[in-house]
Amino acid sequence: MPSSLEKLKIQSMLAVKEGQDSLLPGYLHQLHSAIKVDSLDAELWYIAGYVFDRSIAHPGNEARRYDLEDLIKVSKYFEKVIEIESNYGGRLILLPPRQKILSTWGSMAI
């Protein structure tokens, strides 16, 4: 039986993948609480980064438009993943951490 932390990770990932945007603020809050307990869990940071990224997306807009402050926040989540685990081996929602940082900053140029 999966632990409550494992369930949180799985449910958060599914919410991002399935576009369940109304659930994301609650998951982000729970992920931040879990990070306070285990700040060296790279997978928690990775999932929280994707949840935050998705939660600030503009509905109906395929191309992400960030303000600079949000872009920096998204980037910091994935930078933390790399700091903890330079060759991240956890589950992926879509892109690995380095590619997510590049795609996030690249979207600012569009």
N, C-alpha and C. Protein backbone atom coordinates (compact mmCIF):
# COMPACT_ATOMS: atom_id res chain seq x y z
N MET A 1 0.84 -1.18 0.00
CA MET A 1 0.00 0.00 0.00
C MET A 1 0.89 1.25 0.00
N PRO A 2 0.63 2.19 -0.93
CA PRO A 2 1.47 3.39 -1.01
C PRO A 2 1.29 4.29 0.22
N SER A 3 2.36 4.97 0.58
CA SER A 3 2.30 5.91 1.70
C SER A 3 1.49 7.14 1.28
N SER A 4 1.14 7.96 2.25
CA SER A 4 0.38 9.17 1.93
C SER A 4 1.21 10.12 1.08
N LEU A 5 2.52 10.14 1.28
CA LEU A 5 3.39 10.98 0.45
C LEU A 5 3.40 10.47 -0.99
N GLU A 6 3.48 9.17 -1.14
CA GLU A 6 3.47 8.56 -2.47
C GLU A 6 2.14 8.86 -3.17
N LYS A 7 1.04 8.77 -2.45
CA LYS A 7 -0.28 9.09 -3.03
C LYS A 7 -0.33 10.55 -3.47
N LEU A 8 0.21 11.44 -2.64
CA LEU A 8 0.23 12.87 -2.99
C LEU A 8 1.00 13.09 -4.28
N LYS A 9 2.15 12.45 -4.39
CA LYS A 9 2.97 12.60 -5.61
C LYS A 9 2.19 12.12 -6.84
N ILE A 10 1.60 10.95 -6.74
CA ILE A 10 0.87 10.36 -7.87
C ILE A 10 -0.34 11.22 -8.23
N GLN A 11 -1.12 11.63 -7.24
CA GLN A 11 -2.31 12.43 -7.50
C GLN A 11 -1.95 13.79 -8.10
N SER A 12 -0.87 14.39 -7.61
CA SER A 12 -0.43 15.68 -8.14
C SER A 12 0.00 15.56 -9.59
N MET A 13 0.75 14.51 -9.90
CA MET A 13 1.20 14.29 -11.27
C MET A 13 0.01 14.07 -12.20
N LEU A 14 -0.95 13.29 -11.76
CA LEU A 14 -2.14 13.03 -12.58
C LEU A 14 -2.94 14.32 -12.80
N ALA A 15 -3.04 15.14 -11.78
CA ALA A 15 -3.78 16.40 -11.92
C ALA A 15 -3.14 17.29 -12.99
N VAL A 16 -1.81 17.32 -13.02
CA VAL A 16 -1.12 18.11 -14.05
C VAL A 16 -1.36 17.50 -15.42
N LYS A 17 -1.14 16.20 -15.54
CA LYS A 17 -1.27 15.52 -16.83
C LYS A 17 -2.70 15.59 -17.39
N GLU A 18 -3.68 15.52 -16.50
CA GLU A 18 -5.08 15.48 -16.93
C GLU A 18 -5.74 16.86 -16.93
N GLY A 19 -4.97 17.90 -16.63
CA GLY A 19 -5.51 19.25 -16.66
C GLY A 19 -6.56 19.55 -15.61
N GLN A 20 -6.42 18.93 -14.45
CA GLN A 20 -7.36 19.16 -13.34
C GLN A 20 -6.91 20.40 -12.56
N ASP A 21 -6.97 21.54 -13.23
CA ASP A 21 -6.41 22.78 -12.70
C ASP A 21 -7.00 23.22 -11.37
N SER A 22 -8.26 22.93 -11.13
CA SER A 22 -8.89 23.37 -9.87
C SER A 22 -8.29 22.67 -8.65
N LEU A 23 -7.66 21.53 -8.86
CA LEU A 23 -7.05 20.79 -7.75
C LEU A 23 -5.62 21.24 -7.44
N LEU A 24 -5.01 21.96 -8.36
CA LEU A 24 -3.58 22.27 -8.24
C LEU A 24 -3.22 23.13 -7.03
N PRO A 25 -3.96 24.18 -6.69
CA PRO A 25 -3.56 24.96 -5.51
C PRO A 25 -3.50 24.12 -4.23
N GLY A 26 -4.45 23.22 -4.06
CA GLY A 26 -4.43 22.35 -2.87
C GLY A 26 -3.24 21.40 -2.88
N TYR A 27 -2.96 20.83 -4.05
CA TYR A 27 -1.79 19.94 -4.15
C TYR A 27 -0.49 20.71 -3.92
N LEU A 28 -0.41 21.92 -4.46
CA LEU A 28 0.80 22.71 -4.26
C LEU A 28 1.03 22.99 -2.78
N HIS A 29 -0.04 23.32 -2.08
CA HIS A 29 0.07 23.56 -0.63
C HIS A 29 0.58 22.29 0.09
N GLN A 30 0.01 21.15 -0.26
CA GLN A 30 0.43 19.88 0.37
C GLN A 30 1.88 19.54 0.01
N LEU A 31 2.26 19.80 -1.23
CA LEU A 31 3.64 19.52 -1.65
C LEU A 31 4.61 20.41 -0.88
N HIS A 32 4.27 21.68 -0.70
CA HIS A 32 5.13 22.58 0.08
C HIS A 32 5.26 22.10 1.52
N SER A 33 4.18 21.60 2.08
CA SER A 33 4.23 21.05 3.44
C SER A 33 5.16 19.84 3.49
N ALA A 34 5.08 18.99 2.49
CA ALA A 34 5.95 17.81 2.43
C ALA A 34 7.41 18.21 2.24
N ILE A 35 7.66 19.25 1.46
CA ILE A 35 9.03 19.74 1.25
C ILE A 35 9.62 20.25 2.56
N LYS A 36 8.79 20.86 3.41
CA LYS A 36 9.28 21.34 4.71
C LYS A 36 9.76 20.18 5.57
N VAL A 37 9.16 19.01 5.40
CA VAL A 37 9.55 17.82 6.15
C VAL A 37 10.79 17.17 5.55
N ASP A 38 10.84 17.11 4.22
CA ASP A 38 11.98 16.48 3.52
C ASP A 38 12.40 17.35 2.35
N SER A 39 13.23 18.34 2.64
CA SER A 39 13.64 19.30 1.61
C SER A 39 14.65 18.71 0.62
N LEU A 40 15.10 17.48 0.85
CA LEU A 40 16.06 16.86 -0.06
C LEU A 40 15.42 15.81 -0.96
N ASP A 41 14.11 15.82 -1.05
CA ASP A 41 13.40 14.91 -1.94
C ASP A 41 13.26 15.59 -3.30
N ALA A 42 14.15 15.25 -4.23
CA ALA A 42 14.18 15.88 -5.55
C ALA A 42 12.86 15.70 -6.28
N GLU A 43 12.22 14.56 -6.11
CA GLU A 43 10.97 14.29 -6.80
C GLU A 43 9.86 15.23 -6.31
N LEU A 44 9.84 15.55 -5.02
CA LEU A 44 8.87 16.51 -4.50
C LEU A 44 9.05 17.87 -5.16
N TRP A 45 10.29 18.32 -5.26
CA TRP A 45 10.57 19.61 -5.90
C TRP A 45 10.15 19.58 -7.37
N TYR A 46 10.44 18.48 -8.05
CA TYR A 46 10.10 18.34 -9.47
C TYR A 46 8.58 18.44 -9.66
N ILE A 47 7.84 17.67 -8.90
CA ILE A 47 6.38 17.66 -9.03
C ILE A 47 5.81 19.03 -8.65
N ALA A 48 6.31 19.62 -7.57
CA ALA A 48 5.84 20.94 -7.15
C ALA A 48 6.10 21.98 -8.24
N GLY A 49 7.23 21.85 -8.93
CA GLY A 49 7.54 22.77 -10.02
C GLY A 49 6.53 22.69 -11.14
N TYR A 50 6.18 21.47 -11.52
CA TYR A 50 5.17 21.29 -12.57
C TYR A 50 3.79 21.75 -12.11
N VAL A 51 3.45 21.47 -10.86
CA VAL A 51 2.14 21.90 -10.34
C VAL A 51 2.08 23.43 -10.33
N PHE A 52 3.14 24.08 -9.87
CA PHE A 52 3.16 25.55 -9.86
C PHE A 52 3.07 26.08 -11.28
N ASP A 53 3.86 25.53 -12.18
CA ASP A 53 3.87 25.96 -13.58
C ASP A 53 2.47 25.87 -14.18
N ARG A 54 1.83 24.75 -13.98
CA ARG A 54 0.49 24.55 -14.53
C ARG A 54 -0.53 25.48 -13.87
N SER A 55 -0.34 25.75 -12.59
CA SER A 55 -1.31 26.58 -11.87
C SER A 55 -1.27 28.04 -12.28
N ILE A 56 -0.17 28.49 -12.88
CA ILE A 56 -0.07 29.88 -13.32
C ILE A 56 -0.33 30.03 -14.81
N ALA A 57 -0.60 28.92 -15.49
CA ALA A 57 -0.87 28.97 -16.93
C ALA A 57 -2.17 29.72 -17.18
N HIS A 58 -2.23 30.39 -18.29
CA HIS A 58 -3.45 31.09 -18.68
C HIS A 58 -4.36 30.12 -19.40
N PRO A 59 -5.57 29.91 -18.91
CA PRO A 59 -6.49 28.93 -19.51
C PRO A 59 -6.69 29.18 -21.01
N GLY A 60 -6.69 28.09 -21.76
CA GLY A 60 -6.95 28.16 -23.18
C GLY A 60 -5.79 28.68 -24.01
N ASN A 61 -4.67 28.94 -23.36
CA ASN A 61 -3.50 29.46 -24.08
C ASN A 61 -2.43 28.38 -24.10
N GLU A 62 -2.22 27.77 -25.25
CA GLU A 62 -1.22 26.69 -25.36
C GLU A 62 0.18 27.20 -25.08
N ALA A 63 0.50 28.39 -25.60
CA ALA A 63 1.83 28.96 -25.36
C ALA A 63 1.83 29.60 -23.98
N ARG A 64 2.74 29.16 -23.13
CA ARG A 64 2.81 29.71 -21.78
C ARG A 64 3.30 31.15 -21.85
N ARG A 65 2.64 32.02 -21.14
CA ARG A 65 3.06 33.41 -21.01
C ARG A 65 3.32 33.65 -19.53
N TYR A 66 4.55 33.98 -19.20
CA TYR A 66 4.93 34.19 -17.82
C TYR A 66 5.23 35.66 -17.58
N ASP A 67 4.99 36.10 -16.36
CA ASP A 67 5.64 37.35 -16.01
C ASP A 67 6.99 36.91 -15.44
N LEU A 68 7.92 37.81 -15.38
CA LEU A 68 9.29 37.46 -15.01
C LEU A 68 9.37 36.81 -13.63
N GLU A 69 8.60 37.31 -12.68
CA GLU A 69 8.63 36.77 -11.32
C GLU A 69 8.21 35.29 -11.31
N ASP A 70 7.14 34.96 -12.03
CA ASP A 70 6.67 33.57 -12.10
C ASP A 70 7.68 32.70 -12.82
N LEU A 71 8.27 33.22 -13.88
CA LEU A 71 9.27 32.46 -14.62
C LEU A 71 10.45 32.09 -13.71
N ILE A 72 10.88 33.02 -12.91
CA ILE A 72 11.98 32.77 -11.99
C ILE A 72 11.57 31.71 -10.96
N LYS A 73 10.34 31.78 -10.45
CA LYS A 73 9.87 30.79 -9.47
C LYS A 73 9.84 29.39 -10.08
N VAL A 74 9.29 29.27 -11.29
CA VAL A 74 9.25 27.96 -11.96
C VAL A 74 10.67 27.43 -12.10
N SER A 75 11.55 28.27 -12.59
CA SER A 75 12.94 27.87 -12.80
C SER A 75 13.60 27.40 -11.50
N LYS A 76 13.33 28.09 -10.41
CA LYS A 76 13.97 27.74 -9.12
C LYS A 76 13.57 26.35 -8.62
N TYR A 77 12.32 25.96 -8.87
CA TYR A 77 11.92 24.61 -8.49
C TYR A 77 12.83 23.58 -9.16
N PHE A 78 13.05 23.74 -10.46
CA PHE A 78 13.82 22.76 -11.21
C PHE A 78 15.32 22.89 -10.96
N GLU A 79 15.78 24.09 -10.66
CA GLU A 79 17.17 24.27 -10.24
C GLU A 79 17.44 23.51 -8.94
N LYS A 80 16.46 23.53 -8.04
CA LYS A 80 16.59 22.81 -6.76
C LYS A 80 16.66 21.31 -7.00
N VAL A 81 15.86 20.81 -7.95
CA VAL A 81 15.93 19.38 -8.30
C VAL A 81 17.35 19.03 -8.71
N ILE A 82 17.94 19.83 -9.59
CA ILE A 82 19.29 19.57 -10.10
C ILE A 82 20.32 19.69 -8.99
N GLU A 83 20.13 20.65 -8.09
CA GLU A 83 21.04 20.82 -6.95
C GLU A 83 21.04 19.57 -6.08
N ILE A 84 19.87 19.00 -5.85
CA ILE A 84 19.74 17.81 -4.99
C ILE A 84 20.23 16.56 -5.71
N GLU A 85 19.85 16.44 -6.97
CA GLU A 85 20.13 15.22 -7.73
C GLU A 85 20.50 15.63 -9.16
N SER A 86 21.81 15.80 -9.40
CA SER A 86 22.26 16.36 -10.68
C SER A 86 21.80 15.54 -11.89
N ASN A 87 21.70 14.24 -11.72
CA ASN A 87 21.16 13.38 -12.77
C ASN A 87 19.83 12.82 -12.28
N TYR A 88 18.84 13.68 -12.29
CA TYR A 88 17.52 13.34 -11.75
C TYR A 88 17.01 12.02 -12.32
N GLY A 89 16.65 11.11 -11.41
CA GLY A 89 16.18 9.79 -11.82
C GLY A 89 14.76 9.49 -11.39
N GLY A 90 14.05 10.52 -10.94
CA GLY A 90 12.68 10.32 -10.50
C GLY A 90 11.70 10.26 -11.67
N ARG A 91 10.44 10.14 -11.31
CA ARG A 91 9.38 10.10 -12.33
C ARG A 91 9.30 11.44 -13.05
N LEU A 92 8.92 11.37 -14.32
CA LEU A 92 8.77 12.57 -15.13
C LEU A 92 7.31 12.81 -15.46
N ILE A 93 6.92 14.06 -15.43
CA ILE A 93 5.60 14.46 -15.91
C ILE A 93 5.69 14.67 -17.41
N LEU A 94 6.72 15.35 -17.83
CA LEU A 94 6.96 15.54 -19.26
C LEU A 94 8.46 15.67 -19.50
N LEU A 95 9.03 16.83 -19.20
CA LEU A 95 10.44 17.09 -19.47
C LEU A 95 11.30 16.86 -18.24
N PRO A 96 12.55 16.44 -18.44
CA PRO A 96 13.50 16.40 -17.33
C PRO A 96 13.79 17.83 -16.85
N PRO A 97 14.33 18.01 -15.66
CA PRO A 97 14.51 19.34 -15.07
C PRO A 97 15.25 20.35 -15.95
N ARG A 98 16.38 19.96 -16.52
CA ARG A 98 17.14 20.92 -17.33
C ARG A 98 16.35 21.38 -18.56
N GLN A 99 15.69 20.44 -19.20
CA GLN A 99 14.89 20.79 -20.38
C GLN A 99 13.69 21.65 -19.99
N LYS A 100 13.13 21.41 -18.82
CA LYS A 100 11.99 22.22 -18.36
C LYS A 100 12.44 23.66 -18.14
N ILE A 101 13.61 23.85 -17.56
CA ILE A 101 14.13 25.20 -17.37
C ILE A 101 14.31 25.88 -18.72
N LEU A 102 14.90 25.18 -19.67
CA LEU A 102 15.11 25.75 -21.01
C LEU A 102 13.79 26.09 -21.69
N SER A 103 12.81 25.21 -21.61
CA SER A 103 11.54 25.47 -22.27
C SER A 103 10.79 26.62 -21.60
N THR A 104 10.93 26.73 -20.28
CA THR A 104 10.27 27.81 -19.56
C THR A 104 10.86 29.16 -19.97
N TRP A 105 12.18 29.26 -19.97
CA TRP A 105 12.82 30.52 -20.39
C TRP A 105 12.60 30.77 -21.86
N GLY A 106 12.60 29.71 -22.66
CA GLY A 106 12.35 29.87 -24.09
C GLY A 106 10.97 30.43 -24.37
N SER A 107 10.00 30.07 -23.56
CA SER A 107 8.64 30.58 -23.77
C SER A 107 8.57 32.09 -23.55
N MET A 108 9.49 32.62 -22.77
CA MET A 108 9.52 34.06 -22.52
C MET A 108 9.93 34.80 -23.79
N ALA A 109 10.72 34.13 -24.62
CA ALA A 109 11.22 34.77 -25.83
C ALA A 109 10.17 34.81 -26.95
N ILE A 110 9.14 34.01 -26.81
CA ILE A 110 8.14 33.95 -27.88
C ILE A 110 7.24 35.16 -27.86
